[in-house]
Protein backbone atom coordinates (compact mmCIF):
# COMPACT_ATOMS: atom_id res chain seq x y z
CA UNK A 1 70.78 24.71 26.65
CA UNK A 2 73.61 24.81 24.17
CA UNK A 3 77.38 24.50 25.19
CA UNK A 4 80.34 25.47 23.04
CA UNK A 5 83.78 24.05 23.86
CA UNK A 6 86.02 26.42 21.62
CA UNK A 7 89.49 26.82 20.59
CA UNK A 8 90.94 23.65 21.71
CA UNK A 9 92.61 20.75 20.05
CA UNK A 10 90.43 17.70 19.84
CA UNK A 11 92.05 14.55 20.62
CA UNK A 12 90.51 11.20 19.80
CA UNK A 13 91.98 7.71 19.94
CA UNK A 14 92.84 7.83 16.14
CA UNK A 15 93.43 11.41 15.42
CA UNK A 16 93.84 15.11 16.60
CA UNK A 17 92.63 18.44 15.03
CA UNK A 18 91.82 21.96 16.04
CA UNK A 19 88.09 22.66 16.29
CA UNK A 20 85.17 23.63 18.32
CA UNK A 21 82.55 21.14 19.81
CA UNK A 22 78.83 22.28 19.91
CA UNK A 23 76.53 20.40 22.44
CA UNK A 24 72.95 20.17 22.67
CA UNK A 25 70.30 18.06 24.55
CA UNK A 26 73.06 15.80 25.80
CA UNK A 27 74.64 15.04 22.38
CA UNK A 28 77.43 16.41 20.49
CA UNK A 29 75.70 18.07 17.29
CA UNK A 30 78.57 19.88 15.56
CA UNK A 31 82.48 19.46 15.54
CA UNK A 32 84.71 21.83 13.48
CA UNK A 33 85.50 25.46 12.86
CA UNK A 34 83.24 28.41 11.94
CA UNK A 35 80.22 26.72 13.62
CA UNK A 36 76.77 28.17 13.58
CA UNK A 37 76.14 28.79 17.18
CA UNK A 38 72.95 29.92 18.66
CA UNK A 39 72.97 33.05 20.59
CA UNK A 40 72.02 31.63 24.11
CA UNK A 41 74.95 29.20 23.96
CA UNK A 42 77.27 28.76 27.02
CA UNK A 43 80.88 28.95 26.01
CA UNK A 44 84.09 27.45 27.47
CA UNK A 45 87.35 28.79 26.35
CA UNK A 46 89.73 25.69 25.56
CA UNK A 47 92.51 27.72 24.13
CA UNK A 48 95.88 26.08 24.61
CA UNK A 49 93.94 22.99 26.00
CA UNK A 50 93.05 19.69 24.76
CA UNK A 51 89.30 18.41 24.21
CA UNK A 52 88.95 14.85 24.91
CA UNK A 53 86.37 12.23 25.50
CA UNK A 54 85.39 11.78 28.98
CA UNK A 55 87.11 9.02 30.96
CA UNK A 56 85.32 5.54 31.25
CA UNK A 57 86.26 3.57 34.35
CA UNK A 58 85.38 0.03 33.69
CA UNK A 59 86.07 -1.14 37.20
CA UNK A 60 84.41 0.49 40.45
CA UNK A 61 82.57 -0.74 43.36
CA UNK A 62 80.47 2.09 44.75
CA UNK A 63 78.54 1.33 48.05
CA UNK A 64 79.66 -2.37 47.97
CA UNK A 65 78.68 -4.43 51.01
CA UNK A 66 81.97 -6.35 51.62
CA UNK A 67 83.83 -8.19 54.31
CA UNK A 68 81.14 -7.13 56.97
CA UNK A 69 81.12 -3.35 56.13
CA UNK A 70 80.05 -0.97 53.14
CA UNK A 71 82.34 0.97 51.04
CA UNK A 72 82.31 4.47 51.85
CA UNK A 73 81.77 6.21 48.56
CA UNK A 74 78.05 5.71 47.30
CA UNK A 75 76.98 6.16 43.75
CA UNK A 76 76.56 9.84 44.19
CA UNK A 77 80.08 10.71 45.84
CA UNK A 78 81.92 8.40 43.81
CA UNK A 79 80.82 9.54 40.69
CA UNK A 80 80.94 13.15 41.65
CA UNK A 81 84.69 12.52 42.42
CA UNK A 82 85.01 10.90 39.22
CA UNK A 83 83.67 13.94 37.43
CA UNK A 84 86.27 16.15 39.21
CA UNK A 85 88.85 13.88 37.78
CA UNK A 86 87.54 13.82 34.18
CA UNK A 87 85.62 10.53 34.30
CA UNK A 88 82.24 10.86 32.94
CA UNK A 89 81.12 6.95 33.10
CA UNK A 90 81.60 3.91 35.20
CA UNK A 91 81.03 0.25 34.88
CA UNK A 92 80.10 -0.89 38.23
CA UNK A 93 79.53 -4.49 39.49
CA UNK A 94 76.24 -6.26 40.67
CA UNK A 95 77.58 -8.94 43.09
CA UNK A 96 74.89 -11.46 44.35
CA UNK A 97 75.49 -13.40 47.29
CA UNK A 98 75.87 -17.07 46.95
CA UNK A 99 72.29 -18.66 46.30
CA UNK A 100 70.79 -15.06 45.83
CA UNK A 101 68.53 -14.58 43.05
CA UNK A 102 70.49 -12.80 40.46
CA UNK A 103 67.71 -10.43 39.35
CA UNK A 104 66.97 -9.43 43.03
CA UNK A 105 70.62 -8.34 43.31
CA UNK A 106 70.56 -6.56 39.94
CA UNK A 107 67.47 -4.49 41.08
CA UNK A 108 69.04 -3.54 44.37
CA UNK A 109 72.00 -2.19 42.65
CA UNK A 110 69.94 -0.42 40.25
CA UNK A 111 68.10 1.24 43.16
CA UNK A 112 71.52 2.31 44.80
CA UNK A 113 72.69 3.65 41.67
CA UNK A 114 69.71 6.00 40.94
CA UNK A 115 71.77 8.81 42.99
CA UNK A 116 74.71 8.59 40.30
CA UNK A 117 75.96 12.11 39.10
CA UNK A 118 77.57 10.47 36.00
CA UNK A 119 76.34 7.76 33.46
CA UNK A 120 76.87 4.15 34.69
CA UNK A 121 76.47 0.54 33.78
CA UNK A 122 77.01 -2.84 35.35
CA UNK A 123 78.83 -6.03 34.85
CA UNK A 124 76.82 -8.76 36.73
CA UNK A 125 78.90 -11.31 38.81
CA UNK A 126 78.04 -15.23 38.57
CA UNK A 127 78.83 -16.38 42.10
CA UNK A 128 76.75 -19.73 41.96
CA UNK A 129 75.00 -21.76 39.40
CA UNK A 130 71.49 -23.40 38.69
CA UNK A 131 69.06 -23.12 35.85
CA UNK A 132 67.83 -20.02 37.36
CA UNK A 133 71.17 -18.35 37.05
CA UNK A 134 71.17 -19.29 33.30
CA UNK A 135 67.66 -17.91 32.99
CA UNK A 136 68.71 -14.61 34.73
CA UNK A 137 71.63 -14.25 32.33
CA UNK A 138 69.39 -14.33 29.34
CA UNK A 139 66.96 -11.82 30.98
CA UNK A 140 69.96 -9.43 31.81
CA UNK A 141 71.47 -9.74 28.34
CA UNK A 142 68.13 -9.33 26.36
CA UNK A 143 66.15 -6.98 28.40
CA UNK A 144 68.57 -4.79 30.64
CA UNK A 145 71.48 -4.19 28.42
CA UNK A 146 74.08 -6.32 30.33
CA UNK A 147 76.81 -7.69 27.97
CA UNK A 148 79.26 -8.71 30.57
CA UNK A 149 79.53 -11.17 33.39
CA UNK A 150 82.09 -11.24 36.15
CA UNK A 151 83.65 -14.12 37.89
CA UNK A 152 85.68 -14.11 41.07
CA UNK A 153 88.29 -16.98 41.01
CA UNK A 154 89.21 -15.66 44.71
CA UNK A 155 87.50 -15.41 47.95
CA UNK A 156 86.92 -19.05 48.98
CA UNK A 157 83.79 -19.48 51.22
CA UNK A 158 82.24 -16.25 49.78
CA UNK A 159 81.74 -15.19 46.33
CA UNK A 160 84.44 -17.49 44.53
CA UNK A 161 83.35 -19.10 41.30
CA UNK A 162 84.78 -22.76 40.85
CA UNK A 163 85.52 -24.31 37.67
CA UNK A 164 82.01 -25.75 37.30
CA UNK A 165 80.47 -22.33 37.60
CA UNK A 166 82.96 -20.86 35.23
CA UNK A 167 82.36 -23.55 32.43
CA UNK A 168 78.46 -23.21 32.78
CA UNK A 169 78.63 -19.51 32.74
CA UNK A 170 81.11 -18.96 29.86
CA UNK A 171 79.16 -21.30 27.77
CA UNK A 172 75.99 -19.42 28.52
CA UNK A 173 77.64 -15.97 27.75
CA UNK A 174 78.91 -17.20 24.52
CA UNK A 175 75.26 -18.17 23.43
CA UNK A 176 74.15 -14.77 24.37
CA UNK A 177 76.72 -12.69 22.76
CA UNK A 178 78.32 -11.54 25.97
CA UNK A 179 81.85 -11.24 27.18
CA UNK A 180 83.28 -12.88 30.39
CA UNK A 181 85.37 -11.06 32.77
CA UNK A 182 87.33 -12.64 35.64
CA UNK A 183 89.22 -11.67 38.82
CA UNK A 184 92.14 -14.10 38.30
CA UNK A 185 93.52 -15.17 41.58
CA UNK A 186 93.60 -19.05 42.73
CA UNK A 187 91.18 -18.90 45.65
CA UNK A 188 92.26 -22.08 47.16
CA UNK A 189 96.01 -21.18 47.04
CA UNK A 190 95.21 -17.90 48.80
CA UNK A 191 93.26 -19.54 51.49
CA UNK A 192 95.94 -22.02 52.27
CA UNK A 193 98.79 -19.20 52.20
CA UNK A 194 96.79 -17.14 54.46
CA UNK A 195 96.55 -19.96 57.08
CA UNK A 196 100.17 -20.51 56.89
CA UNK A 197 101.27 -16.90 57.06
CA UNK A 198 99.03 -16.45 60.17
CA UNK A 199 100.58 -19.59 61.81
CA UNK A 200 104.06 -18.10 61.39
CA UNK A 201 102.79 -15.13 63.60
CA UNK A 202 102.69 -12.72 60.72
CA UNK A 203 99.28 -10.81 61.20
CA UNK A 204 100.00 -7.45 59.91
CA UNK A 205 99.27 -6.06 56.47
CA UNK A 206 102.67 -7.29 55.35
CA UNK A 207 101.04 -10.65 55.20
CA UNK A 208 98.53 -9.68 52.40
CA UNK A 209 101.19 -9.66 49.37
CA UNK A 210 102.91 -12.86 50.89
CA UNK A 211 99.48 -14.69 50.76
CA UNK A 212 98.85 -13.62 47.13
CA UNK A 213 102.01 -14.03 45.29
CA UNK A 214 102.00 -13.31 41.42
CA UNK A 215 102.10 -17.07 40.73
CA UNK A 216 98.52 -17.44 42.10
CA UNK A 217 97.24 -14.68 39.65
CA UNK A 218 99.17 -16.20 36.84
CA UNK A 219 97.69 -19.60 37.52
CA UNK A 220 94.23 -18.39 37.54
CA UNK A 221 94.68 -16.28 34.50
CA UNK A 222 96.18 -19.05 32.57
CA UNK A 223 93.19 -21.40 33.65
CA UNK A 224 90.50 -18.82 32.72
CA UNK A 225 92.09 -18.24 29.29
CA UNK A 226 92.36 -21.98 28.61
CA UNK A 227 88.62 -22.44 29.74
CA UNK A 228 87.57 -19.49 27.47
CA UNK A 229 89.54 -21.04 24.49
CA UNK A 230 87.89 -24.36 24.89
CA UNK A 231 84.36 -22.83 25.01
CA UNK A 232 85.36 -20.18 22.27
CA UNK A 233 84.15 -17.13 24.48
CA UNK A 234 85.89 -13.69 24.64
CA UNK A 235 87.59 -12.96 28.15
CA UNK A 236 88.38 -9.84 29.79
CA UNK A 237 90.77 -10.11 32.73
CA UNK A 238 90.46 -7.17 35.29
CA UNK A 239 93.21 -5.60 37.36
CA UNK A 240 95.95 -7.30 35.86
CA UNK A 241 98.90 -6.66 38.22
CA UNK A 242 102.01 -8.85 37.37
CA UNK A 243 104.14 -10.38 34.70
CA UNK A 244 102.76 -13.86 35.03
CA UNK A 245 99.12 -12.83 34.19
CA UNK A 246 100.33 -10.22 31.52
CA UNK A 247 102.34 -13.15 29.88
CA UNK A 248 99.29 -15.34 29.74
CA UNK A 249 97.26 -12.53 28.17
CA UNK A 250 99.97 -11.96 25.58
CA UNK A 251 100.51 -15.57 24.52
CA UNK A 252 96.88 -16.14 24.22
CA UNK A 253 96.45 -12.97 21.95
CA UNK A 254 99.37 -13.82 19.81
CA UNK A 255 97.35 -17.08 18.87
CA UNK A 256 94.33 -15.17 18.00
CA UNK A 257 92.43 -15.74 21.07
CA UNK A 258 90.07 -12.66 22.00
CA UNK A 259 91.54 -12.04 25.44
CA UNK A 260 91.72 -8.43 26.86
CA UNK A 261 93.54 -7.05 29.89
CA UNK A 262 92.91 -4.27 32.17
CA UNK A 263 95.44 -2.44 34.45
CA UNK A 264 94.80 -0.31 37.33
CA UNK A 265 96.53 3.07 37.79
CA UNK A 266 97.76 2.09 41.30
CA UNK A 267 99.39 -1.15 39.83
CA UNK A 268 101.26 1.11 37.40
CA UNK A 269 102.57 3.50 40.18
CA UNK A 270 103.14 1.69 43.48
CA UNK A 271 105.05 -1.49 44.54
CA UNK A 272 104.58 -3.92 47.58
CA UNK A 273 106.96 -1.67 49.96
CA UNK A 274 103.62 -0.06 50.97
CA UNK A 275 102.79 -2.86 53.21
CA UNK A 276 105.81 -2.77 55.24
CA UNK A 277 105.09 0.83 56.47
CA UNK A 278 105.53 0.96 60.13
CA UNK A 279 102.19 2.52 60.52
CA UNK A 280 99.48 0.01 60.53
CA UNK A 281 96.78 2.44 59.28
CA UNK A 282 99.08 3.49 56.40
CA UNK A 283 99.88 -0.11 55.46
CA UNK A 284 96.39 -1.23 55.84
CA UNK A 285 95.01 1.56 53.48
CA UNK A 286 96.84 -0.13 50.47
CA UNK A 287 95.32 -3.63 51.23
CA UNK A 288 93.48 -4.52 47.86
CA UNK A 289 93.61 -7.74 45.78
CA UNK A 290 95.66 -8.30 43.78
CA UNK A 291 98.03 -6.33 46.04
CA UNK A 292 100.80 -4.09 44.74
CA UNK A 293 103.48 -6.05 43.31
CA UNK A 294 107.35 -6.01 43.82
CA UNK A 295 109.35 -3.46 41.75
CA UNK A 296 109.69 -4.62 38.24
CA UNK A 297 106.12 -5.47 37.65
CA UNK A 298 105.16 -2.00 37.14
CA UNK A 299 107.32 -1.41 34.24
CA UNK A 300 106.30 -4.70 32.61
CA UNK A 301 102.57 -3.54 32.80
CA UNK A 302 103.54 -0.14 31.21
CA UNK A 303 105.13 -2.27 28.33
CA UNK A 304 101.83 -4.14 28.16
CA UNK A 305 99.88 -1.05 27.90
CA UNK A 306 102.29 0.47 25.22
CA UNK A 307 102.22 -2.81 23.09
CA UNK A 308 98.49 -3.10 23.23
CA UNK A 309 98.42 -6.46 25.16
CA UNK A 310 96.64 -4.52 28.00
CA UNK A 311 93.87 -2.51 26.53
CA UNK A 312 92.20 -0.47 29.31
CA UNK A 313 93.02 1.37 32.72
CA UNK A 314 90.74 1.23 35.66
CA UNK A 315 90.74 2.03 39.46
CA UNK A 316 88.80 -0.81 41.15
CA UNK A 317 87.69 2.06 43.14
CA UNK A 318 86.46 0.50 46.42
CA UNK A 319 86.82 2.88 49.52
CA UNK A 320 87.22 1.80 53.10
CA UNK A 321 88.20 4.51 55.83
CA UNK A 322 90.68 3.88 58.68
CA UNK A 323 88.12 2.66 61.25
CA UNK A 324 86.95 0.01 58.63
CA UNK A 325 90.48 -1.00 57.88
CA UNK A 326 91.07 -1.45 61.51
CA UNK A 327 88.71 -4.43 61.55
CA UNK A 328 92.04 -6.42 60.59
CA UNK A 329 94.22 -4.94 63.12
CA UNK A 330 95.24 -8.30 64.40
CA UNK A 331 94.52 -10.43 61.34
CA UNK A 332 95.47 -9.15 57.88
CA UNK A 333 92.65 -11.44 56.23
CA UNK A 334 90.15 -9.42 57.83
CA UNK A 335 91.17 -5.97 56.45
CA UNK A 336 88.54 -4.93 53.91
CA UNK A 337 90.07 -4.92 50.53
CA UNK A 338 90.03 -1.83 48.48
CA UNK A 339 91.47 1.49 47.74
CA UNK A 340 90.29 4.79 45.87
CA UNK A 341 91.36 6.25 42.54
CA UNK A 342 88.46 7.39 40.29
CA UNK A 343 89.42 11.14 40.64
CA UNK A 344 93.11 10.41 40.13
CA UNK A 345 93.30 7.83 37.47
CA UNK A 346 93.41 10.21 34.46
CA UNK A 347 95.79 12.55 36.15
CA UNK A 348 98.53 10.05 36.91
CA UNK A 349 98.31 8.22 33.77
CA UNK A 350 98.73 11.31 31.92
CA UNK A 351 101.83 12.50 34.14
CA UNK A 352 103.53 9.09 34.24
CA UNK A 353 102.35 8.08 30.69
CA UNK A 354 102.18 10.90 28.31
CA UNK A 355 104.71 13.25 30.07
CA UNK A 356 107.19 10.58 30.18
CA UNK A 357 106.81 9.52 26.40
CA UNK A 358 105.15 6.09 27.32
CA UNK A 359 101.95 6.99 25.73
CA UNK A 360 100.89 9.59 23.01
CA UNK A 361 97.77 11.74 23.77
CA UNK A 362 95.91 9.58 21.36
CA UNK A 363 96.85 6.50 23.01
CA UNK A 364 95.99 8.13 26.36
CA UNK A 365 92.37 8.49 25.10
CA UNK A 366 92.39 4.87 23.88
CA UNK A 367 93.23 3.46 27.26
CA UNK A 368 91.20 5.75 29.46
CA UNK A 369 88.08 5.65 27.30
CA UNK A 370 87.87 4.55 23.66
CA UNK A 371 89.10 0.98 24.13
CA UNK A 372 86.50 0.41 27.03
CA UNK A 373 83.67 1.81 24.93
CA UNK A 374 84.62 -0.54 22.03
CA UNK A 375 85.24 -3.74 24.23
CA UNK A 376 81.98 -3.29 25.97
CA UNK A 377 80.11 -2.08 22.84
CA UNK A 378 79.04 1.42 23.63
CA UNK A 379 81.23 2.99 20.98
CA UNK A 380 80.79 5.55 19.29
CA UNK A 381 77.99 6.62 21.74
CA UNK A 382 80.93 6.97 24.34
CA UNK A 383 84.60 7.25 23.78
CA UNK A 384 84.99 9.60 21.06
CA UNK A 385 84.40 13.30 20.12
CA UNK A 386 82.25 13.13 17.13
CA UNK A 387 78.68 14.21 16.01
CA UNK A 388 76.13 12.04 17.44
CA UNK A 389 78.13 10.95 20.54
CA UNK A 390 77.31 11.64 24.04
CA UNK A 391 78.44 15.02 25.06
CA UNK A 392 80.87 13.63 27.75
CA UNK A 393 84.08 15.62 27.50
CA UNK A 394 87.05 16.87 29.14
CA UNK A 395 89.01 20.07 28.61
CA UNK A 396 92.74 19.27 29.55
CA UNK A 397 95.39 21.72 30.35
CA UNK A 398 98.73 19.87 29.70
CA UNK A 399 100.89 22.74 31.39
CA UNK A 400 98.70 23.08 34.56
CA UNK A 401 99.85 21.13 37.68
CA UNK A 402 98.35 20.02 41.03
CA UNK A 403 99.27 18.00 44.03
CA UNK A 404 97.18 15.04 44.94
CA UNK A 405 95.91 15.13 48.54
CA UNK A 406 93.18 13.36 50.68
CA UNK A 407 92.76 16.88 52.05
CA UNK A 408 91.60 18.23 48.76
CA UNK A 409 90.18 15.17 46.82
CA UNK A 410 86.28 14.79 46.63
CA UNK A 411 86.56 11.00 47.12
CA UNK A 412 84.80 9.90 50.48
CA UNK A 413 87.86 8.40 52.05
CA UNK A 414 90.50 9.47 54.56
CA UNK A 415 93.32 8.18 52.54
CA UNK A 416 94.92 8.73 49.06
CA UNK A 417 97.24 6.01 47.72
CA UNK A 418 98.90 8.85 45.44
CA UNK A 419 99.18 11.24 48.41
CA UNK A 420 101.70 14.06 47.60
CA UNK A 421 102.04 13.35 43.84
CA UNK A 422 102.48 16.39 42.05
CA UNK A 423 100.97 15.86 38.42
CA UNK A 424 101.39 18.06 35.39
CA UNK A 425 98.26 17.80 33.08
CA UNK A 426 95.05 18.66 34.72
CA UNK A 427 91.46 18.69 33.62
CA UNK A 428 90.01 22.24 33.84
CA UNK A 429 86.38 21.50 32.70
CA UNK A 430 84.30 18.28 32.58
CA UNK A 431 81.05 18.08 30.57
CA UNK A 432 78.45 15.34 31.18
CA UNK A 433 75.65 14.81 29.08
CA UNK A 434 76.15 18.35 27.69
CA UNK A 435 76.16 19.99 30.96
CA UNK A 436 79.30 21.75 32.53
CA UNK A 437 79.53 19.83 35.83
CA UNK A 438 83.24 20.74 36.75
CA UNK A 439 84.96 23.98 35.96
CA UNK A 440 88.36 25.34 37.25
CA UNK A 441 87.84 23.54 40.82
CA UNK A 442 84.13 24.18 41.17
CA UNK A 443 82.37 20.81 41.14
CA UNK A 444 78.78 21.09 40.11
CA UNK A 445 77.72 17.50 40.26
CA UNK A 446 73.95 16.79 40.56
CA UNK A 447 72.56 13.83 42.43
CA UNK A 448 70.58 11.54 40.15
CA UNK A 449 71.75 13.27 36.83
CA UNK A 450 73.47 10.08 35.61
CA UNK A 451 71.77 7.79 33.08
CA UNK A 452 71.97 4.00 33.08
CA UNK A 453 73.77 2.81 29.79
CA UNK A 454 72.54 -0.33 28.29
CA UNK A 455 75.14 -2.21 26.34
CA UNK A 456 73.95 -4.19 23.66
CA UNK A 457 75.27 -7.93 23.11
CA UNK A 458 77.34 -8.97 20.30
CA UNK A 459 74.76 -11.69 19.48
CA UNK A 460 74.77 -11.20 15.54
CA UNK A 461 78.67 -11.42 15.52
CA UNK A 462 78.68 -14.26 18.05
CA UNK A 463 76.28 -16.17 15.87
CA UNK A 464 79.18 -16.60 13.51
CA UNK A 465 81.23 -17.81 16.35
CA UNK A 466 78.52 -20.40 17.24
CA UNK A 467 78.70 -21.67 13.64
CA UNK A 468 82.40 -21.81 13.93
CA UNK A 469 82.13 -23.97 17.13
CA UNK A 470 79.48 -26.21 15.45
CA UNK A 471 81.94 -26.77 12.30
CA UNK A 472 84.50 -27.94 14.69
CA UNK A 473 82.40 -30.80 16.11
CA UNK A 474 83.54 -34.31 15.54
CA UNK A 475 81.20 -36.67 13.83
CA UNK A 476 80.97 -39.87 15.81
CA UNK A 477 82.61 -42.84 14.28
CA UNK A 478 80.15 -45.45 13.39
CA UNK A 479 81.45 -49.04 14.73
């Protein structure tokens, strides 16, 4: 079946122009004007609208087993909600338990993800270390298209990677041509601060940001960056939430180090006053790590995005409903960490970014799609509107408005952190693999329609980096 998006303004990260987009068999086969269109072609009128690459969310947790419960959005409901919001691909996380076989965990997540309605890929977390883990990293990189490995510097006693794990994993990733990603929070400091705050009688959600102040993120970001520098491996810091970690990223990039920063839509919009809400359920609904920060950090993060020191936007989409959050009613450390956002990321970023002059439409495409595709080596298959690319598209009406609400969203959660926010600029159609899966409020997501996307390593390029590292070895002095 052919699909034609006609009469819109095509917006890529590098340029905008008027034209039509013809899709066939899941690919873009023609872009331009006066196209030769087969008679049986389905048509979507994009007059007055923008046609952009579908969003890529590089940080989601669908169906995640965590803190004694399981995230309420599975791979179908979560990706379907993403399609409603203009996101056509996610990169989720395989998170093995300590001592769990890495390949066993990977295959479990692949089984869960078979129900995805949109394309998907995986980062794989390294939560422990021995020679079997090293071997698994090689297998994943060579045979399964995994080119990124995640490291949690937080969650002591669970999935936290200490410096020994970081060093071993970072070094192996460099050899494989993979990129390392980190959740930067000093897990030991968080653990000690949690104990002290509970001892002071602070048990509610207001204790959560007190136990994870910006400095614990800044310290971990600096440490990860320095380790990556010594080992000469590219580094990607997820959910950068404060000036301290942004400063670490900026300094590293100014020296030429390959460091990339991701920022969440929530961290750009909300501040830590949400944890002081008198209603426990409302305050607990915002508990995630890193937490939302005091006012001032939000504007700094916007500047980081504008300057290019932060390159991507994500959601850390990890849904837990009110009964699940209630597990921490008397102890904030037991509140499952996570909020939603996959359906709303692109809308709030357009409203607060493009509409307020912080981002151009082309920069919006870069930070919601193209940059992620480039960093994780799936560009130009993803992240652009051009012949040969996957037919993942969004038709965006910059004049249309909608109000965000838990009562109308498609996410499987009973709360929305952007509740009541009216946004101007709305996707009216989403195309995934050449199929019209959302149109004017009608969600047509199909369970299992998503494809697993392999992401090749950068091995040929990193071979040069290995030579660089070898050339800087010191010859032992003969005495």
